[in-house]
Amino acid sequence: MANIALRLPANVPGDFFVDSTCIDCDACRQIAPETFSEERDVSVVYHQPENETETKRALMALVACPTASIGTVEHHDAHLGIDAFPSRIADHISHRDDVADHERFAKRFGCERVMHVDDGAHRLGIEQVLRGDEPMKLDKDLIAIPVPGHTRGHAVLLYRNKFLFTGDHLAWSPTRRTLTAFRSACWYSWEAQTRSMEKLLSYDFEWVLPGHGRIHHDNAENMRIHLTRCVEWMKTR
């Protein structure tokens, strides 16, 4: 829980607040844009929730905050936010970001986990292990594509040539208004990640669903244009 003693002065007065441990990950602004906004490289509360729906979205942001930087003065039932996840994106697609809980997810949903051998899949007892640079077809609609860069074994998942789950590989930049990558969060190789972006130009997708960063939806042609811009930008970094 956030520390009220560290409450950022840019928060409007009231119940919800963000403290100075915020790392500007943008998660709260995506989940509850009616409550949170950006102010000098941090998120703050610019509008206090006024109804049940806004309060629920703000609580979803609170429980999703990776640094526990969002707090409240009043007591709220956190399960109102917790139980709202996973959140529906489109069709029957949902999005939830927390790889640290992969064992709990596997037990809860009876699902198989997918990870590349270069990220320690064998050590973690992962069921579906990726190897090398070639994509793996997981079923008739889903493929895993190795895209080293963020980590040595990073991979993305492409569902029905429409939904691209990218982890920390690729996201939307609301500032630049195009697709982007995060050099500051590139733990293995920026050059390898740039080559991996070029590899993705061979695929069609309409949604980018990142682990961190903004979600984006457009037609496949425009997505390829944005991805091409991203590759060219990465080559200059």
C-alpha atoms as a PDB file:
ATOM      1  CA  MET A   1       0.000   0.000   0.000  1.00  0.00           C
ATOM      2  CA  ALA A   2       1.178   3.516  -0.767  1.00  0.00           C
ATOM      3  CA  ASN A   3       2.457   5.768   2.015  1.00  0.00           C
ATOM      4  CA  ILE A   4       0.287   8.839   2.603  1.00  0.00           C
ATOM      5  CA  ALA A   5       3.335  10.652   3.990  1.00  0.00           C
ATOM      6  CA  LEU A   6       4.845  10.367   0.494  1.00  0.00           C
ATOM      7  CA  ARG A   7       1.705  11.597  -1.275  1.00  0.00           C
ATOM      8  CA  LEU A   8       2.691  13.592  -4.358  1.00  0.00           C
ATOM      9  CA  PRO A   9       1.596  17.238  -4.112  1.00  0.00           C
ATOM     10  CA  ALA A  10       0.171  17.166  -7.651  1.00  0.00           C
ATOM     11  CA  ASN A  11      -2.631  14.800  -6.560  1.00  0.00           C
ATOM     12  CA  VAL A  12      -5.978  16.550  -6.217  1.00  0.00           C
ATOM     13  CA  PRO A  13      -7.354  16.477  -2.657  1.00  0.00           C
ATOM     14  CA  GLY A  14      -9.447  13.477  -1.723  1.00  0.00           C
ATOM     15  CA  ASP A  15      -9.458   9.759  -1.152  1.00  0.00           C
ATOM     16  CA  PHE A  16      -7.194   8.247  -3.860  1.00  0.00           C
ATOM     17  CA  PHE A  17      -3.570   9.332  -4.206  1.00  0.00           C
ATOM     18  CA  VAL A  18      -0.224   8.337  -5.752  1.00  0.00           C
ATOM     19  CA  ASP A  19       2.962   8.482  -3.715  1.00  0.00           C
ATOM     20  CA  SER A  20       6.551   9.291  -4.703  1.00  0.00           C
ATOM     21  CA  THR A  21       7.482   5.637  -5.351  1.00  0.00           C
ATOM     22  CA  CYS A  22       5.679   5.864  -8.727  1.00  0.00           C
ATOM     23  CA  ILE A  23       7.885   4.799 -11.671  1.00  0.00           C
ATOM     24  CA  ASP A  24       5.566   6.210 -14.379  1.00  0.00           C
ATOM     25  CA  CYS A  25       4.776   2.766 -15.829  1.00  0.00           C
ATOM     26  CA  ASP A  26       1.459   4.108 -17.216  1.00  0.00           C
ATOM     27  CA  ALA A  27      -0.619   1.146 -15.978  1.00  0.00           C
ATOM     28  CA  CYS A  28      -3.029   3.227 -13.882  1.00  0.00           C
ATOM     29  CA  ARG A  29      -3.574   5.734 -16.683  1.00  0.00           C
ATOM     30  CA  GLN A  30      -4.588   2.925 -19.014  1.00  0.00           C
ATOM     31  CA  ILE A  31      -6.886   1.222 -16.522  1.00  0.00           C
ATOM     32  CA  ALA A  32      -8.546   4.331 -15.066  1.00  0.00           C
ATOM     33  CA  PRO A  33      -7.868   7.334 -17.316  1.00  0.00           C
ATOM     34  CA  GLU A  34     -10.795   9.177 -15.756  1.00  0.00           C
ATOM     35  CA  THR A  35      -8.874   9.254 -12.432  1.00  0.00           C
ATOM     36  CA  PHE A  36      -5.139   9.205 -13.224  1.00  0.00           C
ATOM     37  CA  SER A  37      -2.993  11.363 -15.501  1.00  0.00           C
ATOM     38  CA  GLU A  38       0.714  12.078 -16.019  1.00  0.00           C
ATOM     39  CA  GLU A  39       2.501  14.947 -14.319  1.00  0.00           C
ATOM     40  CA  ARG A  40       6.261  15.397 -14.797  1.00  0.00           C
ATOM     41  CA  ASP A  41       7.142  11.723 -15.322  1.00  0.00           C
ATOM     42  CA  VAL A  42       4.860  10.317 -12.626  1.00  0.00           C
ATOM     43  CA  SER A  43       1.186   9.449 -12.413  1.00  0.00           C
ATOM     44  CA  VAL A  44      -1.134  11.460 -10.180  1.00  0.00           C
ATOM     45  CA  VAL A  45      -4.826  11.597  -9.346  1.00  0.00           C
ATOM     46  CA  TYR A  46      -6.309  14.493 -11.300  1.00  0.00           C
ATOM     47  CA  HIS A  47      -9.956  13.592 -10.643  1.00  0.00           C
ATOM     48  CA  GLN A  48     -11.374  11.710  -7.674  1.00  0.00           C
ATOM     49  CA  PRO A  49     -13.819   8.888  -8.519  1.00  0.00           C
ATOM     50  CA  GLU A  50     -17.400  10.106  -8.315  1.00  0.00           C
ATOM     51  CA  ASN A  51     -19.397   6.918  -8.769  1.00  0.00           C
ATOM     52  CA  GLU A  52     -19.263   3.155  -8.369  1.00  0.00           C
ATOM     53  CA  THR A  53     -17.828   2.523 -11.836  1.00  0.00           C
ATOM     54  CA  GLU A  54     -15.032   5.071 -11.446  1.00  0.00           C
ATOM     55  CA  THR A  55     -14.198   3.743  -7.982  1.00  0.00           C
ATOM     56  CA  LYS A  56     -13.990   0.187  -9.292  1.00  0.00           C
ATOM     57  CA  ARG A  57     -11.630   1.227 -12.104  1.00  0.00           C
ATOM     58  CA  ALA A  58      -9.475   3.175  -9.651  1.00  0.00           C
ATOM     59  CA  LEU A  59      -9.270   0.105  -7.401  1.00  0.00           C
ATOM     60  CA  MET A  60      -8.294  -1.993 -10.404  1.00  0.00           C
ATOM     61  CA  ALA A  61      -5.440   0.445 -10.988  1.00  0.00           C
ATOM     62  CA  LEU A  62      -4.517   0.286  -7.312  1.00  0.00           C
ATOM     63  CA  VAL A  63      -4.178  -3.498  -7.211  1.00  0.00           C
ATOM     64  CA  ALA A  64      -2.403  -3.600 -10.599  1.00  0.00           C
ATOM     65  CA  CYS A  65       0.239  -1.000  -9.675  1.00  0.00           C
ATOM     66  CA  PRO A  66       3.597  -2.870  -9.792  1.00  0.00           C
ATOM     67  CA  THR A  67       5.179  -0.617  -7.168  1.00  0.00           C
ATOM     68  CA  ALA A  68       2.149  -0.312  -4.844  1.00  0.00           C
ATOM     69  CA  SER A  69       2.295   3.452  -5.316  1.00  0.00           C
ATOM     70  CA  ILE A  70      -1.480   4.041  -5.250  1.00  0.00           C
ATOM     71  CA  GLY A  71      -3.318   4.380  -1.967  1.00  0.00           C
ATOM     72  CA  THR A  72      -6.553   5.582  -0.399  1.00  0.00           C
ATOM     73  CA  VAL A  73      -7.382   7.529   2.736  1.00  0.00           C
ATOM     74  CA  GLU A  74     -10.642   5.646   3.242  1.00  0.00           C
ATOM     75  CA  HIS A  75     -10.974   1.873   3.528  1.00  0.00           C
ATOM     76  CA  HIS A  76     -12.058  -0.001   0.384  1.00  0.00           C
ATOM     77  CA  ASP A  77     -12.570  -3.674  -0.322  1.00  0.00           C
ATOM     78  CA  ALA A  78      -9.584  -4.453  -2.577  1.00  0.00           C
ATOM     79  CA  HIS A  79     -11.427  -7.450  -4.001  1.00  0.00           C
ATOM     80  CA  LEU A  80     -13.598  -5.045  -5.990  1.00  0.00           C
ATOM     81  CA  GLY A  81     -10.465  -4.364  -8.029  1.00  0.00           C
ATOM     82  CA  ILE A  82      -8.918  -7.832  -7.851  1.00  0.00           C
ATOM     83  CA  ASP A  83     -12.067  -9.654  -8.961  1.00  0.00           C
ATOM     84  CA  ALA A  84     -12.428  -7.374 -11.999  1.00  0.00           C
ATOM     85  CA  PHE A  85      -9.344  -9.012 -13.552  1.00  0.00           C
ATOM     86  CA  PRO A  86      -8.594 -10.426 -16.048  1.00  0.00           C
ATOM     87  CA  SER A  87     -10.125  -7.669 -18.133  1.00  0.00           C
ATOM     88  CA  ARG A  88     -11.840  -8.376 -21.453  1.00  0.00           C
ATOM     89  CA  ILE A  89     -10.139  -6.758 -24.461  1.00  0.00           C
ATOM     90  CA  ALA A  90     -12.058  -7.977 -27.514  1.00  0.00           C
ATOM     91  CA  ASP A  91     -13.859 -11.157 -28.535  1.00  0.00           C
ATOM     92  CA  HIS A  92     -12.913 -13.586 -25.758  1.00  0.00           C
ATOM     93  CA  ILE A  93      -9.405 -12.129 -25.288  1.00  0.00           C
ATOM     94  CA  SER A  94      -8.339 -10.942 -21.834  1.00  0.00           C
ATOM     95  CA  HIS A  95      -5.165  -9.350 -20.583  1.00  0.00           C
ATOM     96  CA  ARG A  96      -3.341  -9.785 -17.322  1.00  0.00           C
ATOM     97  CA  ASP A  97       0.281  -8.920 -16.634  1.00  0.00           C
ATOM     98  CA  ASP A  98       2.122 -10.700 -13.837  1.00  0.00           C
ATOM     99  CA  VAL A  99       4.618 -13.340 -14.881  1.00  0.00           C
ATOM    100  CA  ALA A 100       5.786 -13.700 -11.289  1.00  0.00           C
ATOM    101  CA  ASP A 101       2.560 -15.560 -10.523  1.00  0.00           C
ATOM    102  CA  HIS A 102       2.845 -18.044 -13.389  1.00  0.00           C
ATOM    103  CA  GLU A 103       2.673 -21.059 -11.078  1.00  0.00           C
ATOM    104  CA  ARG A 104      -0.518 -19.795  -9.455  1.00  0.00           C
ATOM    105  CA  PHE A 105      -2.067 -19.091 -12.862  1.00  0.00           C
ATOM    106  CA  ALA A 106      -1.189 -22.595 -14.082  1.00  0.00           C
ATOM    107  CA  LYS A 107      -2.807 -24.190 -11.033  1.00  0.00           C
ATOM    108  CA  ARG A 108      -5.855 -21.933 -11.072  1.00  0.00           C
ATOM    109  CA  PHE A 109      -6.655 -22.279 -14.794  1.00  0.00           C
ATOM    110  CA  GLY A 110      -5.131 -25.697 -15.500  1.00  0.00           C
ATOM    111  CA  CYS A 111      -3.089 -24.192 -18.327  1.00  0.00           C
ATOM    112  CA  GLU A 112       0.310 -24.953 -19.811  1.00  0.00           C
ATOM    113  CA  ARG A 113       3.033 -22.328 -19.553  1.00  0.00           C
ATOM    114  CA  VAL A 114       5.234 -21.305 -22.491  1.00  0.00           C
ATOM    115  CA  MET A 115       8.812 -20.051 -22.128  1.00  0.00           C
ATOM    116  CA  HIS A 116      12.053 -20.118 -24.069  1.00  0.00           C
ATOM    117  CA  VAL A 117      14.872 -22.347 -22.878  1.00  0.00           C
ATOM    118  CA  ASP A 118      17.191 -19.311 -22.848  1.00  0.00           C
ATOM    119  CA  ASP A 119      15.082 -17.731 -20.091  1.00  0.00           C
ATOM    120  CA  GLY A 120      15.334 -20.778 -17.805  1.00  0.00           C
ATOM    121  CA  ALA A 121      12.251 -22.749 -18.833  1.00  0.00           C
ATOM    122  CA  HIS A 122      13.677 -26.115 -17.757  1.00  0.00           C
ATOM    123  CA  ARG A 123      14.644 -24.844 -14.313  1.00  0.00           C
ATOM    124  CA  LEU A 124      11.102 -23.541 -13.754  1.00  0.00           C
ATOM    125  CA  GLY A 125       9.387 -26.726 -14.957  1.00  0.00           C
ATOM    126  CA  ILE A 126       7.643 -25.015 -17.879  1.00  0.00           C
ATOM    127  CA  GLU A 127       5.407 -27.298 -19.949  1.00  0.00           C
ATOM    128  CA  GLN A 128       5.944 -25.821 -23.432  1.00  0.00           C
ATOM    129  CA  VAL A 129       9.632 -25.025 -24.024  1.00  0.00           C
ATOM    130  CA  LEU A 130      10.708 -22.888 -26.987  1.00  0.00           C
ATOM    131  CA  ARG A 131      14.141 -23.390 -28.567  1.00  0.00           C
ATOM    132  CA  GLY A 132      16.095 -21.491 -31.184  1.00  0.00           C
ATOM    133  CA  ASP A 133      14.690 -18.720 -33.367  1.00  0.00           C
ATOM    134  CA  GLU A 134      11.883 -20.539 -35.158  1.00  0.00           C
ATOM    135  CA  PRO A 135       8.218 -19.941 -34.208  1.00  0.00           C
ATOM    136  CA  MET A 136       6.332 -22.749 -32.488  1.00  0.00           C
ATOM    137  CA  LYS A 137       2.701 -23.507 -33.330  1.00  0.00           C
ATOM    138  CA  LEU A 138       0.925 -24.056 -30.019  1.00  0.00           C
ATOM    139  CA  ASP A 139      -2.442 -24.818 -31.621  1.00  0.00           C
ATOM    140  CA  LYS A 140      -4.224 -23.995 -34.881  1.00  0.00           C
ATOM    141  CA  ASP A 141      -4.744 -20.337 -33.878  1.00  0.00           C
ATOM    142  CA  LEU A 142      -1.761 -19.558 -31.652  1.00  0.00           C
ATOM    143  CA  ILE A 143       1.957 -19.329 -32.349  1.00  0.00           C
ATOM    144  CA  ALA A 144       4.897 -18.369 -30.134  1.00  0.00           C
ATOM    145  CA  ILE A 145       7.573 -16.285 -31.869  1.00  0.00           C
ATOM    146  CA  PRO A 146      11.051 -16.010 -30.294  1.00  0.00           C
ATOM    147  CA  VAL A 147      12.108 -12.346 -30.315  1.00  0.00           C
ATOM    148  CA  PRO A 148      15.322 -12.007 -28.269  1.00  0.00           C
ATOM    149  CA  GLY A 149      16.214  -8.547 -27.057  1.00  0.00           C
ATOM    150  CA  HIS A 150      14.375  -7.609 -23.893  1.00  0.00           C
ATOM    151  CA  THR A 151      15.757 -10.897 -22.552  1.00  0.00           C
ATOM    152  CA  ARG A 152      17.773 -13.597 -24.296  1.00  0.00           C
ATOM    153  CA  GLY A 153      14.706 -15.827 -24.569  1.00  0.00           C
ATOM    154  CA  HIS A 154      11.929 -13.277 -24.958  1.00  0.00           C
ATOM    155  CA  ALA A 155       8.962 -14.391 -27.076  1.00  0.00           C
ATOM    156  CA  VAL A 156       5.655 -12.958 -28.252  1.00  0.00           C
ATOM    157  CA  LEU A 157       2.360 -14.788 -28.791  1.00  0.00           C
ATOM    158  CA  LEU A 158       0.286 -14.214 -31.922  1.00  0.00           C
ATOM    159  CA  TYR A 159      -3.356 -15.326 -31.822  1.00  0.00           C
ATOM    160  CA  ARG A 160      -5.356 -15.645 -35.059  1.00  0.00           C
ATOM    161  CA  ASN A 161      -3.041 -13.179 -36.822  1.00  0.00           C
ATOM    162  CA  LYS A 162      -4.849 -10.492 -34.879  1.00  0.00           C
ATOM    163  CA  PHE A 163      -3.776 -10.295 -31.222  1.00  0.00           C
ATOM    164  CA  LEU A 164      -0.050  -9.867 -30.511  1.00  0.00           C
ATOM    165  CA  PHE A 165       0.877 -10.354 -26.843  1.00  0.00           C
ATOM    166  CA  THR A 166       4.268  -8.647 -26.653  1.00  0.00           C
ATOM    167  CA  GLY A 167       5.430  -8.666 -23.025  1.00  0.00           C
ATOM    168  CA  ASP A 168       8.034  -5.891 -22.709  1.00  0.00           C
ATOM    169  CA  HIS A 169       9.066  -6.130 -26.375  1.00  0.00           C
ATOM    170  CA  LEU A 170       6.700  -3.703 -28.107  1.00  0.00           C
ATOM    171  CA  ALA A 171       4.079  -1.160 -27.009  1.00  0.00           C
ATOM    172  CA  TRP A 172       2.279   1.992 -28.127  1.00  0.00           C
ATOM    173  CA  SER A 173       3.756   5.404 -27.363  1.00  0.00           C
ATOM    174  CA  PRO A 174       0.996   7.975 -26.738  1.00  0.00           C
ATOM    175  CA  THR A 175       3.639  10.714 -26.895  1.00  0.00           C
ATOM    176  CA  ARG A 176       5.151   9.705 -30.245  1.00  0.00           C
ATOM    177  CA  ARG A 177       1.849   8.242 -31.458  1.00  0.00           C
ATOM    178  CA  THR A 178       3.473   5.127 -32.878  1.00  0.00           C
ATOM    179  CA  LEU A 179       4.809   1.761 -31.744  1.00  0.00           C
ATOM    180  CA  THR A 180       7.897   1.810 -29.575  1.00  0.00           C
ATOM    181  CA  ALA A 181      10.386  -0.244 -27.569  1.00  0.00           C
ATOM    182  CA  PHE A 182      12.050   0.473 -24.237  1.00  0.00           C
ATOM    183  CA  ARG A 183      15.834   0.757 -24.353  1.00  0.00           C
ATOM    184  CA  SER A 184      15.931   1.368 -20.599  1.00  0.00           C
ATOM    185  CA  ALA A 185      14.227  -2.026 -20.095  1.00  0.00           C
ATOM    186  CA  CYS A 186      16.327  -3.960 -22.605  1.00  0.00           C
ATOM    187  CA  TRP A 187      18.172  -6.477 -20.409  1.00  0.00           C
ATOM    188  CA  TYR A 188      19.885  -8.520 -23.141  1.00  0.00           C
ATOM    189  CA  SER A 189      20.612  -6.734 -26.444  1.00  0.00           C
ATOM    190  CA  TRP A 190      19.160  -3.677 -28.181  1.00  0.00           C
ATOM    191  CA  GLU A 191      20.655  -4.820 -31.488  1.00  0.00           C
ATOM    192  CA  ALA A 192      18.990  -8.234 -31.113  1.00  0.00           C
ATOM    193  CA  GLN A 193      15.701  -6.577 -30.214  1.00  0.00           C
ATOM    194  CA  THR A 194      15.901  -4.388 -33.312  1.00  0.00           C
ATOM    195  CA  ARG A 195      16.400  -7.492 -35.488  1.00  0.00           C
ATOM    196  CA  SER A 196      13.471  -9.128 -33.695  1.00  0.00           C
ATOM    197  CA  MET A 197      11.252  -6.156 -34.559  1.00  0.00           C
ATOM    198  CA  GLU A 198      12.201  -6.582 -38.203  1.00  0.00           C
ATOM    199  CA  LYS A 199      11.183 -10.244 -37.950  1.00  0.00           C
ATOM    200  CA  LEU A 200       7.684  -9.214 -36.818  1.00  0.00           C
ATOM    201  CA  LEU A 201       7.186  -7.260 -40.066  1.00  0.00           C
ATOM    202  CA  SER A 202       6.469 -10.663 -41.667  1.00  0.00           C
ATOM    203  CA  TYR A 203       3.347 -11.135 -39.528  1.00  0.00           C
ATOM    204  CA  ASP A 204      -0.120  -9.566 -39.553  1.00  0.00           C
ATOM    205  CA  PHE A 205      -1.654  -8.295 -36.311  1.00  0.00           C
ATOM    206  CA  GLU A 206      -4.256  -5.718 -35.296  1.00  0.00           C
ATOM    207  CA  TRP A 207      -3.726  -5.523 -31.532  1.00  0.00           C
ATOM    208  CA  VAL A 208      -0.542  -4.923 -29.543  1.00  0.00           C
ATOM    209  CA  LEU A 209      -1.064  -6.143 -25.969  1.00  0.00           C
ATOM    210  CA  PRO A 210       2.092  -5.419 -23.942  1.00  0.00           C
ATOM    211  CA  GLY A 211       3.061  -6.425 -20.440  1.00  0.00           C
ATOM    212  CA  HIS A 212       4.054  -2.813 -19.771  1.00  0.00           C
ATOM    213  CA  GLY A 213       3.112   0.154 -21.913  1.00  0.00           C
ATOM    214  CA  ARG A 214       0.040   1.149 -23.876  1.00  0.00           C
ATOM    215  CA  ILE A 215      -2.304  -1.217 -25.672  1.00  0.00           C
ATOM    216  CA  HIS A 216      -3.080  -0.265 -29.263  1.00  0.00           C
ATOM    217  CA  HIS A 217      -5.587  -1.397 -31.903  1.00  0.00           C
ATOM    218  CA  ASP A 218      -5.503  -0.614 -35.625  1.00  0.00           C
ATOM    219  CA  ASN A 219      -5.750  -2.443 -38.932  1.00  0.00           C
ATOM    220  CA  ALA A 220      -2.880  -4.715 -39.973  1.00  0.00           C
ATOM    221  CA  GLU A 221      -1.617  -2.353 -42.676  1.00  0.00           C
ATOM    222  CA  ASN A 222      -1.293   0.584 -40.273  1.00  0.00           C
ATOM    223  CA  MET A 223       0.304  -1.626 -37.641  1.00  0.00           C
ATOM    224  CA  ARG A 224       2.999  -2.606 -40.148  1.00  0.00           C
ATOM    225  CA  ILE A 225       3.596   1.070 -40.953  1.00  0.00           C
ATOM    226  CA  HIS A 226       3.992   1.856 -37.247  1.00  0.00           C
ATOM    227  CA  LEU A 227       6.282  -1.124 -36.743  1.00  0.00           C
ATOM    228  CA  THR A 228       8.473  -0.008 -39.659  1.00  0.00           C
ATOM    229  CA  ARG A 229       8.768   3.427 -38.028  1.00  0.00           C
ATOM    230  CA  CYS A 230       9.684   1.752 -34.768  1.00  0.00           C
ATOM    231  CA  VAL A 231      12.461  -0.272 -36.410  1.00  0.00           C
ATOM    232  CA  GLU A 232      13.928   2.826 -38.064  1.00  0.00           C
ATOM    233  CA  TRP A 233      13.774   4.719 -34.777  1.00  0.00           C
ATOM    234  CA  MET A 234      15.469   1.871 -32.905  1.00  0.00           C
ATOM    235  CA  LYS A 235      18.358   1.888 -35.401  1.00  0.00           C
ATOM    236  CA  THR A 236      19.163   5.474 -34.386  1.00  0.00           C
ATOM    237  CA  ARG A 237      19.147   4.877 -30.622  1.00  0.00           C
END
